[in-house]
Amino acid sequence: MPTRTRFATLAATAVIAALALAGCSSSNDDLSRQYGSGTTQNYISGTGAVTEVAVDERADPVDFTTKDTNGDTVSAKALRGKVVVLNFWYAGCPPCRAEAKYLNQVRDEHADDDVAFVGVNVRDEEGTAAAFERTFGVDYPTVLDARDGTVQLALSGQIAPNAVPATIVLDKQGRVAARVLGAIDGKSILDTLVTDELSGKAS
C-alpha cells in the first residue's frame, strides 16, 4: 500500500525487549535507567518514523472485537465515528513507561472530542497490566492481546505495529491513518495527528 512517510524528531526510539520481562521489577527499573540515559543495552532500536497514509490511499476499515480488562467489549465498529488511538505496549518496556504521560496528556486534551484511546497490551497478564495502569495513571481501556493477537491480526496487511511501543491512529471510518513507530516523545506529534483527523485536514 503506498504511503507517505514523514520522519519526526523523536528523542526516544522504538524498542523490542530481548529479554522475557514479566512486570515492573527492580531489573526493569535498571532497564528504565538505561533507556533514560540514552543507552540501548538489551534492546533493538526501531526507526523512530511517523508514517501517514493519504486519505485516498487508505485501506478498508480495521475490524476487531475483543474484551478490555474490565470485561467490556471493545469493537472497532462501535468506535467508528471517532478518531481512535491504539497504543501497543507492555509493562516491562521502559519507553512505554516514558511515553505514558504524553498519551495521557493528549487524551485529556481531547476528552470532549470524538476521540477514543485504547491500550493494546502485547505481552502481560491482567495483574501486571493493571499495576502499570495504576502506576502511570492510565484510565482508558486496555485489551490484553498476547494470547490471541486479535487487534494485531486485524492490522495485518496494513501498517502493522512492528515495534513496541507503537501507536496507530484510525480515522473516523476506522481506517489506518497514521503510525508512530516508537515512543511518543512529547505530545505534539500525536496531538497533531489526532487534530488533523478531527478537523479533516489530513491529506
N, C-alpha and C. Protein backbone atom coordinates (compact mmCIF):
# COMPACT_ATOMS: atom_id res chain seq x y z
N MET A 1 0.85 -1.19 0.00
CA MET A 1 0.00 0.00 0.00
C MET A 1 0.88 1.23 0.00
N PRO A 2 0.70 2.16 -0.97
CA PRO A 2 1.54 3.34 -0.99
C PRO A 2 1.27 4.20 0.22
N THR A 3 2.32 4.70 0.79
CA THR A 3 2.20 5.56 1.95
C THR A 3 3.12 6.74 1.81
N ARG A 4 2.86 7.75 2.59
CA ARG A 4 3.70 8.92 2.64
C ARG A 4 4.33 8.95 4.02
N THR A 5 5.66 8.92 4.07
CA THR A 5 6.36 8.82 5.35
C THR A 5 6.97 10.15 5.73
N ARG A 6 6.69 10.58 6.94
CA ARG A 6 7.28 11.81 7.47
C ARG A 6 8.11 11.42 8.68
N PHE A 7 9.40 11.72 8.64
CA PHE A 7 10.27 11.38 9.75
C PHE A 7 10.24 12.50 10.76
N ALA A 8 9.90 12.16 11.99
CA ALA A 8 9.81 13.14 13.06
C ALA A 8 11.06 13.08 13.90
N THR A 9 11.34 14.16 14.61
CA THR A 9 12.46 14.17 15.53
C THR A 9 11.99 13.59 16.84
N LEU A 10 12.32 12.33 17.05
CA LEU A 10 11.89 11.63 18.26
C LEU A 10 13.13 11.34 19.08
N ALA A 11 13.19 11.88 20.29
CA ALA A 11 14.34 11.62 21.14
C ALA A 11 14.34 10.18 21.62
N ALA A 12 13.15 9.60 21.75
CA ALA A 12 13.04 8.21 22.20
C ALA A 12 12.80 7.33 20.99
N THR A 13 13.47 6.19 20.91
CA THR A 13 13.29 5.26 19.80
C THR A 13 12.43 4.10 20.21
N ALA A 14 11.79 3.49 19.22
CA ALA A 14 11.01 2.28 19.48
C ALA A 14 11.96 1.15 19.79
N VAL A 15 11.56 0.30 20.72
CA VAL A 15 12.41 -0.83 21.08
C VAL A 15 11.60 -2.08 21.24
N ILE A 16 12.24 -3.22 21.02
CA ILE A 16 11.64 -4.52 21.30
C ILE A 16 12.49 -5.19 22.36
N ALA A 17 11.89 -5.62 23.44
CA ALA A 17 12.68 -6.23 24.52
C ALA A 17 13.28 -7.53 24.04
N ALA A 18 14.54 -7.76 24.37
CA ALA A 18 15.20 -9.00 24.03
C ALA A 18 15.18 -9.98 25.19
N LEU A 19 14.69 -9.54 26.33
CA LEU A 19 14.57 -10.40 27.49
C LEU A 19 13.11 -10.62 27.81
N ALA A 20 12.77 -11.74 28.41
CA ALA A 20 11.39 -12.00 28.82
C ALA A 20 11.16 -11.29 30.14
N LEU A 21 10.42 -10.18 30.10
CA LEU A 21 10.17 -9.38 31.29
C LEU A 21 8.75 -9.60 31.74
N ALA A 22 8.56 -10.01 32.98
CA ALA A 22 7.24 -10.37 33.46
C ALA A 22 6.48 -9.20 34.02
N GLY A 23 7.14 -8.12 34.43
CA GLY A 23 6.42 -6.99 35.01
C GLY A 23 7.37 -5.94 35.46
N CYS A 24 6.89 -5.04 36.35
CA CYS A 24 7.68 -3.91 36.80
C CYS A 24 8.54 -4.32 37.98
N SER A 25 9.67 -4.96 37.72
CA SER A 25 10.56 -5.43 38.77
C SER A 25 11.75 -4.50 38.89
N SER A 26 12.66 -4.78 39.84
CA SER A 26 13.83 -3.94 40.00
C SER A 26 14.72 -4.00 38.77
N SER A 27 14.79 -5.18 38.12
CA SER A 27 15.59 -5.28 36.90
C SER A 27 15.02 -4.40 35.81
N ASN A 28 13.70 -4.27 35.76
CA ASN A 28 13.08 -3.39 34.78
C ASN A 28 13.41 -1.94 35.08
N ASP A 29 13.51 -1.59 36.36
CA ASP A 29 13.89 -0.23 36.71
C ASP A 29 15.30 0.08 36.21
N ASP A 30 16.20 -0.92 36.29
CA ASP A 30 17.54 -0.74 35.75
C ASP A 30 17.48 -0.47 34.25
N LEU A 31 16.60 -1.21 33.56
CA LEU A 31 16.46 -1.00 32.13
C LEU A 31 15.87 0.37 31.83
N SER A 32 14.98 0.84 32.69
CA SER A 32 14.43 2.18 32.52
C SER A 32 15.54 3.22 32.60
N ARG A 33 16.46 3.02 33.54
CA ARG A 33 17.56 3.97 33.67
C ARG A 33 18.47 3.93 32.44
N GLN A 34 18.67 2.73 31.89
CA GLN A 34 19.45 2.62 30.66
C GLN A 34 18.79 3.43 29.55
N TYR A 35 17.47 3.27 29.44
CA TYR A 35 16.74 3.99 28.40
C TYR A 35 16.85 5.49 28.61
N GLY A 36 16.68 5.93 29.85
CA GLY A 36 16.73 7.35 30.14
C GLY A 36 18.08 7.96 29.88
N SER A 37 19.15 7.17 30.01
CA SER A 37 20.49 7.69 29.78
C SER A 37 20.93 7.55 28.33
N GLY A 38 20.04 7.06 27.50
CA GLY A 38 20.32 7.00 26.07
C GLY A 38 21.02 5.74 25.62
N THR A 39 21.20 4.75 26.50
CA THR A 39 21.84 3.52 26.09
C THR A 39 20.83 2.58 25.47
N THR A 40 21.33 1.57 24.76
CA THR A 40 20.44 0.62 24.10
C THR A 40 20.75 -0.81 24.51
N GLN A 41 21.37 -0.99 25.65
CA GLN A 41 21.70 -2.34 26.12
C GLN A 41 20.43 -3.18 26.25
N ASN A 42 20.48 -4.39 25.69
CA ASN A 42 19.37 -5.35 25.74
C ASN A 42 18.19 -4.96 24.85
N TYR A 43 18.35 -3.99 23.98
CA TYR A 43 17.24 -3.56 23.13
C TYR A 43 17.67 -3.42 21.68
N ILE A 44 16.69 -3.53 20.80
CA ILE A 44 16.88 -3.31 19.37
C ILE A 44 16.15 -2.02 19.00
N SER A 45 16.88 -1.07 18.44
CA SER A 45 16.27 0.22 18.14
C SER A 45 15.31 0.12 16.97
N GLY A 46 14.21 0.87 17.04
CA GLY A 46 13.27 0.97 15.94
C GLY A 46 13.64 2.13 15.04
N THR A 47 12.75 2.49 14.13
CA THR A 47 13.06 3.50 13.13
C THR A 47 12.80 4.91 13.62
N GLY A 48 11.88 5.08 14.56
CA GLY A 48 11.53 6.41 15.01
C GLY A 48 10.80 7.22 13.96
N ALA A 49 10.03 6.57 13.10
CA ALA A 49 9.35 7.26 11.99
C ALA A 49 7.87 7.42 12.26
N VAL A 50 7.32 8.49 11.69
CA VAL A 50 5.88 8.69 11.65
C VAL A 50 5.43 8.45 10.22
N THR A 51 4.55 7.50 10.03
CA THR A 51 4.03 7.20 8.70
C THR A 51 2.57 7.63 8.64
N GLU A 52 2.26 8.47 7.65
CA GLU A 52 0.88 8.90 7.43
C GLU A 52 0.38 8.33 6.11
N VAL A 53 -0.87 7.94 6.09
CA VAL A 53 -1.48 7.38 4.88
C VAL A 53 -2.44 8.42 4.32
N ALA A 54 -2.22 8.82 3.08
CA ALA A 54 -3.10 9.78 2.44
C ALA A 54 -4.53 9.25 2.42
N VAL A 55 -5.49 10.15 2.53
CA VAL A 55 -6.89 9.76 2.65
C VAL A 55 -7.32 8.85 1.50
N ASP A 56 -6.91 9.18 0.29
CA ASP A 56 -7.35 8.39 -0.87
C ASP A 56 -6.55 7.10 -1.04
N GLU A 57 -5.62 6.84 -0.15
CA GLU A 57 -4.82 5.61 -0.23
C GLU A 57 -5.09 4.67 0.96
N ARG A 58 -6.04 5.03 1.80
CA ARG A 58 -6.31 4.21 2.99
C ARG A 58 -7.06 2.93 2.63
N ALA A 59 -6.70 1.87 3.32
CA ALA A 59 -7.31 0.56 3.07
C ALA A 59 -8.67 0.47 3.76
N ASP A 60 -9.25 -0.72 3.72
CA ASP A 60 -10.56 -0.93 4.34
C ASP A 60 -10.49 -0.71 5.85
N PRO A 61 -11.63 -0.41 6.46
CA PRO A 61 -11.64 -0.22 7.91
C PRO A 61 -11.13 -1.46 8.65
N VAL A 62 -10.42 -1.21 9.72
CA VAL A 62 -9.96 -2.29 10.60
C VAL A 62 -11.16 -2.87 11.33
N ASP A 63 -11.18 -4.17 11.50
CA ASP A 63 -12.32 -4.82 12.15
C ASP A 63 -11.82 -5.78 13.23
N PHE A 64 -12.16 -5.51 14.46
CA PHE A 64 -11.83 -6.43 15.56
C PHE A 64 -12.87 -6.28 16.66
N THR A 65 -13.06 -7.33 17.40
CA THR A 65 -13.90 -7.32 18.59
C THR A 65 -13.19 -8.11 19.67
N THR A 66 -13.02 -7.50 20.84
CA THR A 66 -12.31 -8.14 21.93
C THR A 66 -12.86 -7.62 23.25
N LYS A 67 -12.25 -7.99 24.35
CA LYS A 67 -12.67 -7.53 25.67
C LYS A 67 -11.55 -6.74 26.32
N ASP A 68 -11.92 -5.70 27.08
CA ASP A 68 -10.90 -5.00 27.84
C ASP A 68 -10.73 -5.67 29.20
N THR A 69 -9.85 -5.13 30.02
CA THR A 69 -9.53 -5.77 31.30
C THR A 69 -10.68 -5.69 32.30
N ASN A 70 -11.70 -4.90 32.00
CA ASN A 70 -12.91 -4.86 32.84
C ASN A 70 -13.98 -5.82 32.35
N GLY A 71 -13.69 -6.52 31.26
CA GLY A 71 -14.66 -7.44 30.69
C GLY A 71 -15.63 -6.80 29.73
N ASP A 72 -15.43 -5.52 29.42
CA ASP A 72 -16.31 -4.82 28.49
C ASP A 72 -15.85 -5.05 27.05
N THR A 73 -16.80 -5.11 26.14
CA THR A 73 -16.48 -5.32 24.73
C THR A 73 -15.87 -4.08 24.12
N VAL A 74 -14.80 -4.27 23.38
CA VAL A 74 -14.17 -3.21 22.60
C VAL A 74 -14.25 -3.62 21.14
N SER A 75 -14.99 -2.86 20.36
CA SER A 75 -15.25 -3.21 18.97
C SER A 75 -14.85 -2.05 18.06
N ALA A 76 -14.11 -2.37 17.01
CA ALA A 76 -13.73 -1.34 16.05
C ALA A 76 -14.96 -0.71 15.40
N LYS A 77 -15.98 -1.52 15.12
CA LYS A 77 -17.18 -0.98 14.50
C LYS A 77 -17.89 -0.01 15.43
N ALA A 78 -17.93 -0.34 16.72
CA ALA A 78 -18.59 0.54 17.69
C ALA A 78 -17.85 1.86 17.85
N LEU A 79 -16.57 1.88 17.53
CA LEU A 79 -15.76 3.09 17.69
C LEU A 79 -15.77 3.97 16.45
N ARG A 80 -16.39 3.51 15.38
CA ARG A 80 -16.44 4.33 14.17
C ARG A 80 -17.23 5.60 14.43
N GLY A 81 -16.78 6.67 13.81
CA GLY A 81 -17.30 7.99 14.12
C GLY A 81 -16.39 8.74 15.07
N LYS A 82 -15.40 8.03 15.61
CA LYS A 82 -14.38 8.63 16.47
C LYS A 82 -13.00 8.42 15.85
N VAL A 83 -12.09 9.33 16.15
CA VAL A 83 -10.68 9.10 15.87
C VAL A 83 -10.17 8.17 16.97
N VAL A 84 -9.56 7.07 16.60
CA VAL A 84 -9.14 6.06 17.58
C VAL A 84 -7.62 6.00 17.64
N VAL A 85 -7.10 6.05 18.85
CA VAL A 85 -5.66 5.92 19.08
C VAL A 85 -5.40 4.56 19.73
N LEU A 86 -4.70 3.70 19.02
CA LEU A 86 -4.32 2.38 19.54
C LEU A 86 -2.86 2.43 19.95
N ASN A 87 -2.60 2.25 21.23
CA ASN A 87 -1.22 2.26 21.72
C ASN A 87 -0.80 0.86 22.14
N PHE A 88 0.27 0.35 21.52
CA PHE A 88 0.76 -1.00 21.76
C PHE A 88 1.91 -0.94 22.76
N TRP A 89 1.78 -1.71 23.86
CA TRP A 89 2.73 -1.57 24.96
C TRP A 89 2.79 -2.85 25.78
N TYR A 90 3.75 -2.90 26.69
CA TYR A 90 3.75 -3.89 27.77
C TYR A 90 4.51 -3.29 28.95
N ALA A 91 4.31 -3.84 30.12
CA ALA A 91 4.76 -3.19 31.36
C ALA A 91 6.27 -3.14 31.50
N GLY A 92 6.99 -4.14 31.00
CA GLY A 92 8.43 -4.16 31.17
C GLY A 92 9.20 -3.40 30.11
N CYS A 93 8.52 -2.56 29.36
CA CYS A 93 9.11 -1.80 28.25
C CYS A 93 9.39 -0.38 28.73
N PRO A 94 10.65 -0.01 28.98
CA PRO A 94 10.96 1.31 29.51
C PRO A 94 10.40 2.48 28.69
N PRO A 95 10.51 2.48 27.34
CA PRO A 95 9.93 3.61 26.62
C PRO A 95 8.41 3.67 26.69
N CYS A 96 7.77 2.52 26.96
CA CYS A 96 6.32 2.55 27.18
C CYS A 96 6.01 3.35 28.44
N ARG A 97 6.86 3.20 29.43
CA ARG A 97 6.71 3.97 30.66
C ARG A 97 6.95 5.46 30.39
N ALA A 98 7.99 5.73 29.60
CA ALA A 98 8.36 7.12 29.34
C ALA A 98 7.27 7.88 28.59
N GLU A 99 6.55 7.20 27.70
CA GLU A 99 5.56 7.89 26.88
C GLU A 99 4.19 7.98 27.53
N ALA A 100 3.97 7.26 28.63
CA ALA A 100 2.62 7.18 29.22
C ALA A 100 2.05 8.55 29.54
N LYS A 101 2.86 9.44 30.09
CA LYS A 101 2.35 10.75 30.48
C LYS A 101 1.90 11.56 29.27
N TYR A 102 2.58 11.39 28.14
CA TYR A 102 2.21 12.15 26.95
C TYR A 102 0.91 11.61 26.34
N LEU A 103 0.74 10.31 26.37
CA LEU A 103 -0.52 9.74 25.91
C LEU A 103 -1.67 10.25 26.77
N ASN A 104 -1.45 10.29 28.09
CA ASN A 104 -2.49 10.81 29.00
C ASN A 104 -2.80 12.27 28.70
N GLN A 105 -1.77 13.06 28.41
CA GLN A 105 -1.99 14.48 28.14
C GLN A 105 -2.82 14.69 26.88
N VAL A 106 -2.49 13.96 25.83
CA VAL A 106 -3.26 14.10 24.59
C VAL A 106 -4.69 13.62 24.79
N ARG A 107 -4.83 12.54 25.50
CA ARG A 107 -6.18 12.04 25.78
C ARG A 107 -6.99 13.07 26.55
N ASP A 108 -6.39 13.68 27.58
CA ASP A 108 -7.10 14.67 28.38
C ASP A 108 -7.48 15.90 27.56
N GLU A 109 -6.59 16.31 26.66
CA GLU A 109 -6.87 17.48 25.83
C GLU A 109 -8.05 17.24 24.89
N HIS A 110 -8.28 16.00 24.54
CA HIS A 110 -9.36 15.67 23.61
C HIS A 110 -10.51 14.93 24.30
N ALA A 111 -10.62 15.13 25.60
CA ALA A 111 -11.65 14.43 26.37
C ALA A 111 -13.05 14.76 25.90
N ASP A 112 -13.26 15.96 25.37
CA ASP A 112 -14.59 16.38 24.92
C ASP A 112 -14.78 16.21 23.42
N ASP A 113 -13.80 15.62 22.76
CA ASP A 113 -13.87 15.43 21.31
C ASP A 113 -14.22 13.97 20.98
N ASP A 114 -14.48 13.73 19.72
CA ASP A 114 -14.77 12.37 19.27
C ASP A 114 -13.47 11.60 19.08
N VAL A 115 -12.83 11.32 20.20
CA VAL A 115 -11.54 10.61 20.21
C VAL A 115 -11.61 9.50 21.25
N ALA A 116 -11.14 8.33 20.90
CA ALA A 116 -11.09 7.20 21.84
C ALA A 116 -9.68 6.64 21.88
N PHE A 117 -9.18 6.41 23.08
CA PHE A 117 -7.88 5.77 23.27
C PHE A 117 -8.09 4.33 23.73
N VAL A 118 -7.32 3.42 23.16
CA VAL A 118 -7.35 2.02 23.57
C VAL A 118 -5.91 1.53 23.70
N GLY A 119 -5.55 1.04 24.88
CA GLY A 119 -4.25 0.42 25.05
C GLY A 119 -4.31 -1.03 24.61
N VAL A 120 -3.29 -1.48 23.90
CA VAL A 120 -3.21 -2.87 23.44
C VAL A 120 -1.95 -3.48 24.05
N ASN A 121 -2.14 -4.27 25.10
CA ASN A 121 -1.00 -4.88 25.78
C ASN A 121 -0.62 -6.16 25.05
N VAL A 122 0.63 -6.24 24.62
CA VAL A 122 1.04 -7.33 23.74
C VAL A 122 1.77 -8.46 24.47
N ARG A 123 1.91 -8.37 25.80
CA ARG A 123 2.70 -9.39 26.49
C ARG A 123 2.14 -9.83 27.83
N ASP A 124 1.55 -8.94 28.61
CA ASP A 124 1.31 -9.19 30.03
C ASP A 124 0.01 -9.91 30.33
N GLU A 125 -0.04 -10.48 31.54
CA GLU A 125 -1.28 -10.94 32.13
C GLU A 125 -1.97 -9.74 32.79
N GLU A 126 -3.21 -9.96 33.20
CA GLU A 126 -4.03 -8.85 33.68
C GLU A 126 -3.41 -8.13 34.88
N GLY A 127 -2.88 -8.86 35.85
CA GLY A 127 -2.34 -8.23 37.05
C GLY A 127 -1.18 -7.30 36.75
N THR A 128 -0.29 -7.72 35.88
CA THR A 128 0.86 -6.90 35.51
C THR A 128 0.42 -5.65 34.77
N ALA A 129 -0.52 -5.82 33.84
CA ALA A 129 -1.03 -4.66 33.10
C ALA A 129 -1.72 -3.68 34.03
N ALA A 130 -2.49 -4.19 34.97
CA ALA A 130 -3.22 -3.32 35.91
C ALA A 130 -2.26 -2.54 36.80
N ALA A 131 -1.16 -3.16 37.21
CA ALA A 131 -0.17 -2.47 38.03
C ALA A 131 0.45 -1.31 37.27
N PHE A 132 0.75 -1.51 36.00
CA PHE A 132 1.27 -0.44 35.15
C PHE A 132 0.27 0.71 35.06
N GLU A 133 -0.98 0.36 34.82
CA GLU A 133 -2.02 1.39 34.67
C GLU A 133 -2.17 2.22 35.94
N ARG A 134 -2.11 1.58 37.09
CA ARG A 134 -2.20 2.31 38.35
C ARG A 134 -1.00 3.24 38.53
N THR A 135 0.17 2.72 38.24
CA THR A 135 1.40 3.49 38.44
C THR A 135 1.45 4.72 37.55
N PHE A 136 1.01 4.58 36.32
CA PHE A 136 1.15 5.66 35.35
C PHE A 136 -0.16 6.37 35.03
N GLY A 137 -1.20 6.09 35.80
CA GLY A 137 -2.45 6.83 35.66
C GLY A 137 -3.17 6.61 34.36
N VAL A 138 -3.06 5.42 33.80
CA VAL A 138 -3.74 5.11 32.54
C VAL A 138 -5.18 4.73 32.86
N ASP A 139 -6.13 5.53 32.40
CA ASP A 139 -7.52 5.25 32.73
C ASP A 139 -8.40 4.99 31.51
N TYR A 140 -7.78 4.84 30.34
CA TYR A 140 -8.56 4.43 29.17
C TYR A 140 -8.49 2.91 29.05
N PRO A 141 -9.38 2.30 28.27
CA PRO A 141 -9.46 0.84 28.23
C PRO A 141 -8.18 0.19 27.71
N THR A 142 -7.87 -0.96 28.26
CA THR A 142 -6.74 -1.77 27.80
C THR A 142 -7.24 -3.16 27.45
N VAL A 143 -6.81 -3.66 26.31
CA VAL A 143 -7.11 -5.04 25.93
C VAL A 143 -5.82 -5.85 26.02
N LEU A 144 -5.94 -7.10 26.45
CA LEU A 144 -4.79 -7.99 26.54
C LEU A 144 -4.73 -8.82 25.26
N ASP A 145 -3.75 -8.51 24.43
CA ASP A 145 -3.69 -9.08 23.08
C ASP A 145 -2.64 -10.17 22.93
N ALA A 146 -2.03 -10.58 24.05
CA ALA A 146 -0.91 -11.51 23.97
C ALA A 146 -1.34 -12.91 23.54
N ARG A 147 -2.50 -13.35 23.97
CA ARG A 147 -2.89 -14.75 23.73
C ARG A 147 -3.42 -14.99 22.31
N ASP A 148 -4.33 -14.14 21.86
CA ASP A 148 -4.94 -14.40 20.56
C ASP A 148 -4.56 -13.37 19.49
N GLY A 149 -3.95 -12.26 19.89
CA GLY A 149 -3.50 -11.27 18.92
C GLY A 149 -4.60 -10.68 18.08
N THR A 150 -5.80 -10.54 18.65
CA THR A 150 -6.96 -10.09 17.87
C THR A 150 -6.72 -8.75 17.19
N VAL A 151 -6.24 -7.78 17.94
CA VAL A 151 -6.05 -6.44 17.37
C VAL A 151 -4.88 -6.44 16.40
N GLN A 152 -3.79 -7.10 16.78
CA GLN A 152 -2.63 -7.14 15.88
C GLN A 152 -2.96 -7.83 14.57
N LEU A 153 -3.71 -8.92 14.62
CA LEU A 153 -4.10 -9.62 13.40
C LEU A 153 -5.00 -8.77 12.52
N ALA A 154 -5.82 -7.93 13.15
CA ALA A 154 -6.72 -7.06 12.38
C ALA A 154 -5.94 -6.06 11.54
N LEU A 155 -4.72 -5.78 11.95
CA LEU A 155 -3.88 -4.82 11.24
C LEU A 155 -2.94 -5.48 10.24
N SER A 156 -2.94 -6.80 10.17
CA SER A 156 -2.04 -7.49 9.25
C SER A 156 -2.40 -7.11 7.82
N GLY A 157 -1.38 -6.90 7.01
CA GLY A 157 -1.61 -6.47 5.64
C GLY A 157 -1.74 -4.97 5.50
N GLN A 158 -1.79 -4.27 6.64
CA GLN A 158 -1.81 -2.82 6.61
C GLN A 158 -0.52 -2.31 7.26
N ILE A 159 -0.58 -1.19 7.95
CA ILE A 159 0.60 -0.69 8.65
C ILE A 159 0.58 -1.30 10.04
N ALA A 160 1.34 -2.34 10.23
CA ALA A 160 1.31 -3.07 11.49
C ALA A 160 2.20 -2.41 12.54
N PRO A 161 1.92 -2.67 13.82
CA PRO A 161 2.79 -2.17 14.89
C PRO A 161 4.01 -3.06 15.02
N ASN A 162 5.06 -2.77 14.26
CA ASN A 162 6.21 -3.66 14.15
C ASN A 162 7.24 -3.50 15.25
N ALA A 163 6.99 -2.64 16.21
CA ALA A 163 7.87 -2.47 17.36
C ALA A 163 7.01 -2.14 18.56
N VAL A 164 7.60 -2.16 19.72
CA VAL A 164 6.89 -1.78 20.94
C VAL A 164 7.75 -0.76 21.67
N PRO A 165 7.19 0.42 21.98
CA PRO A 165 5.81 0.82 21.73
C PRO A 165 5.59 1.23 20.28
N ALA A 166 4.34 1.24 19.92
CA ALA A 166 3.89 1.78 18.64
C ALA A 166 2.49 2.33 18.86
N THR A 167 2.15 3.35 18.10
CA THR A 167 0.83 3.97 18.21
C THR A 167 0.23 4.10 16.82
N ILE A 168 -0.98 3.62 16.66
CA ILE A 168 -1.68 3.70 15.38
C ILE A 168 -2.94 4.53 15.55
N VAL A 169 -3.15 5.46 14.62
CA VAL A 169 -4.33 6.32 14.62
C VAL A 169 -5.28 5.84 13.53
N LEU A 170 -6.52 5.59 13.91
CA LEU A 170 -7.57 5.25 12.95
C LEU A 170 -8.44 6.46 12.72
N ASP A 171 -8.84 6.68 11.46
CA ASP A 171 -9.74 7.80 11.18
C ASP A 171 -11.17 7.46 11.60
N LYS A 172 -12.09 8.37 11.38
CA LYS A 172 -13.46 8.17 11.84
C LYS A 172 -14.18 7.04 11.11
N GLN A 173 -13.63 6.63 9.97
CA GLN A 173 -14.19 5.48 9.24
C GLN A 173 -13.56 4.16 9.70
N GLY A 174 -12.61 4.24 10.62
CA GLY A 174 -11.96 3.04 11.12
C GLY A 174 -10.77 2.59 10.30
N ARG A 175 -10.28 3.46 9.42
CA ARG A 175 -9.14 3.13 8.57
C ARG A 175 -7.84 3.61 9.20
N VAL A 176 -6.75 2.90 8.91
CA VAL A 176 -5.45 3.33 9.42
C VAL A 176 -5.06 4.64 8.76
N ALA A 177 -4.82 5.65 9.59
CA ALA A 177 -4.44 6.98 9.10
C ALA A 177 -2.97 7.29 9.34
N ALA A 178 -2.43 6.76 10.44
CA ALA A 178 -1.04 7.08 10.77
C ALA A 178 -0.49 6.08 11.77
N ARG A 179 0.85 5.99 11.80
CA ARG A 179 1.53 5.15 12.78
C ARG A 179 2.76 5.88 13.30
N VAL A 180 2.93 5.85 14.60
CA VAL A 180 4.18 6.30 15.22
C VAL A 180 4.92 5.04 15.65
N LEU A 181 6.04 4.76 15.03
CA LEU A 181 6.79 3.55 15.31
C LEU A 181 7.89 3.88 16.31
N GLY A 182 7.52 3.89 17.57
CA GLY A 182 8.44 4.26 18.64
C GLY A 182 7.69 5.01 19.72
N ALA A 183 8.42 5.42 20.73
CA ALA A 183 7.79 6.12 21.85
C ALA A 183 7.32 7.51 21.43
N ILE A 184 6.20 7.94 22.03
CA ILE A 184 5.73 9.30 21.86
C ILE A 184 6.59 10.19 22.76
N ASP A 185 7.44 11.01 22.17
CA ASP A 185 8.36 11.85 22.94
C ASP A 185 7.83 13.28 22.92
N GLY A 186 6.95 13.58 23.87
CA GLY A 186 6.24 14.84 23.84
C GLY A 186 4.89 14.63 23.18
N LYS A 187 3.98 15.55 23.42
CA LYS A 187 2.61 15.34 22.96
C LYS A 187 2.32 15.91 21.57
N SER A 188 3.25 16.70 21.01
CA SER A 188 2.91 17.48 19.82
C SER A 188 2.62 16.61 18.60
N ILE A 189 3.41 15.56 18.39
CA ILE A 189 3.22 14.74 17.19
C ILE A 189 1.87 14.05 17.21
N LEU A 190 1.56 13.37 18.30
CA LEU A 190 0.28 12.66 18.39
C LEU A 190 -0.88 13.64 18.37
N ASP A 191 -0.74 14.75 19.07
CA ASP A 191 -1.81 15.75 19.08
C ASP A 191 -2.09 16.26 17.68
N THR A 192 -1.05 16.48 16.90
CA THR A 192 -1.23 16.95 15.52
C THR A 192 -1.94 15.91 14.67
N LEU A 193 -1.55 14.64 14.81
CA LEU A 193 -2.19 13.58 14.04
C LEU A 193 -3.68 13.48 14.37
N VAL A 194 -3.99 13.54 15.66
CA VAL A 194 -5.39 13.45 16.10
C VAL A 194 -6.18 14.67 15.64
N THR A 195 -5.61 15.85 15.83
CA THR A 195 -6.30 17.09 15.46
C THR A 195 -6.56 17.15 13.97
N ASP A 196 -5.59 16.72 13.16
CA ASP A 196 -5.78 16.72 11.71
C ASP A 196 -6.94 15.82 11.29
N GLU A 197 -7.07 14.67 11.95
CA GLU A 197 -8.18 13.77 11.62
C GLU A 197 -9.52 14.35 12.06
N LEU A 198 -9.53 14.99 13.21
CA LEU A 198 -10.77 15.61 13.70
C LEU A 198 -11.23 16.74 12.79
N SER A 199 -10.28 17.51 12.30
CA SER A 199 -10.61 18.70 11.52
C SER A 199 -10.75 18.44 10.04
N GLY A 200 -10.37 17.24 9.62
CA GLY A 200 -10.42 16.93 8.20
C GLY A 200 -9.26 17.48 7.41
N LYS A 201 -8.18 17.90 8.11
CA LYS A 201 -7.02 18.47 7.44
C LYS A 201 -6.06 17.42 6.90
N ALA A 202 -6.25 16.17 7.30
CA ALA A 202 -5.37 15.11 6.80
C ALA A 202 -5.48 15.05 5.29
N SER A 203 -4.33 14.95 4.62
CA SER A 203 -4.33 14.98 3.15
C SER A 203 -4.60 13.60 2.56
